[in-house]
Amino acid sequence: MYCEDYDFAVNLGILAGKRDFLHYDQWLKERIRGVGTPFIKALVHYVNENVIVPCREYIIKNSISRELLKMSAGP
């Protein structure tokens, strides 16, 4: 898969890997060697948007929920 829209390529590659149409290790090695920094930046962006941000939002949401429960329970 060769595409200069690296954000799209990463999203498509992740989807293809989930469907067993792509071997991540080989695909990542080829893209990193062949494209380099732009591909790595797109990969980091994907991880941030699809892993880090949702985890952070989950933690914040649950922390707030726990605090509200503590306040409503009283001393």
Protein backbone atom coordinates (compact mmCIF):
# COMPACT_ATOMS: atom_id res chain seq x y z
CA MET A 1 0.00 0.00 0.00
CA TYR A 2 1.64 3.25 -1.13
CA CYS A 3 -0.06 6.54 -0.37
CA GLU A 4 1.31 10.00 0.34
CA ASP A 5 -1.58 10.83 2.66
CA TYR A 6 0.11 9.15 5.60
CA ASP A 7 -2.75 9.72 8.05
CA PHE A 8 -5.05 7.88 5.65
CA ALA A 9 -2.42 5.18 5.03
CA VAL A 10 -2.04 4.54 8.77
CA ASN A 11 -5.80 4.33 9.29
CA LEU A 12 -6.17 1.99 6.33
CA GLY A 13 -3.20 -0.11 7.45
CA ILE A 14 -4.63 -0.49 10.95
CA LEU A 15 -7.97 -1.57 9.50
CA ALA A 16 -6.29 -4.02 7.10
CA GLY A 17 -4.30 -5.51 9.98
CA LYS A 18 -7.43 -5.97 12.07
CA ARG A 19 -8.95 -7.91 9.17
CA ASP A 20 -5.79 -10.01 8.76
CA PHE A 21 -5.06 -8.54 5.31
CA LEU A 22 -1.76 -7.07 6.48
CA HIS A 23 1.13 -8.10 8.70
CA TYR A 24 1.88 -5.09 10.90
CA ASP A 25 5.54 -5.87 11.52
CA GLN A 26 6.46 -6.11 7.85
CA TRP A 27 4.27 -3.17 6.82
CA LEU A 28 5.65 -0.90 9.55
CA LYS A 29 9.26 -1.79 8.75
CA GLU A 30 8.75 -1.10 5.05
CA ARG A 31 6.97 2.22 5.63
CA ILE A 32 9.47 3.44 8.21
CA ARG A 33 12.43 2.55 5.98
CA GLY A 34 10.81 3.85 2.79
CA VAL A 35 9.04 6.97 4.02
CA GLY A 36 10.60 7.78 7.37
CA THR A 37 9.60 10.81 9.41
CA PRO A 38 6.27 11.73 7.74
CA PHE A 39 4.99 8.19 8.26
CA ILE A 40 6.23 8.05 11.86
CA LYS A 41 4.50 11.38 12.58
CA ALA A 42 1.24 10.02 11.15
CA LEU A 43 1.63 6.87 13.25
CA VAL A 44 2.23 8.89 16.44
CA HIS A 45 -0.78 11.08 15.57
CA TYR A 46 -2.93 7.93 15.19
CA VAL A 47 -1.79 6.55 18.55
CA ASN A 48 -2.41 9.89 20.24
CA GLU A 49 -5.91 10.34 18.79
CA ASN A 50 -7.05 6.72 19.12
CA VAL A 51 -5.31 5.54 22.28
CA ILE A 52 -3.93 8.37 24.44
CA VAL A 53 -6.83 10.86 24.17
CA PRO A 54 -9.59 8.26 24.76
CA CYS A 55 -7.68 6.86 27.76
CA ARG A 56 -7.17 10.34 29.18
CA GLU A 57 -10.87 11.15 28.72
CA TYR A 58 -11.85 7.87 30.39
CA ILE A 59 -9.59 8.56 33.37
CA ILE A 60 -10.89 12.12 33.75
CA LYS A 61 -14.52 10.99 33.47
CA ASN A 62 -14.07 8.24 36.04
CA SER A 63 -12.10 10.46 38.41
CA ILE A 64 -14.89 13.03 38.35
CA SER A 65 -17.50 10.30 38.87
CA ARG A 66 -15.61 8.95 41.89
CA GLU A 67 -15.31 12.43 43.36
CA LEU A 68 -19.05 13.03 42.93
CA LEU A 69 -19.83 9.70 44.60
CA LYS A 70 -17.55 10.56 47.52
CA MET A 71 -19.26 13.95 47.95
CA SER A 72 -22.77 12.50 47.79
CA ALA A 73 -21.92 9.78 50.32
CA GLY A 74 -21.02 12.36 52.91
CA PRO A 75 -18.54 12.05 55.78
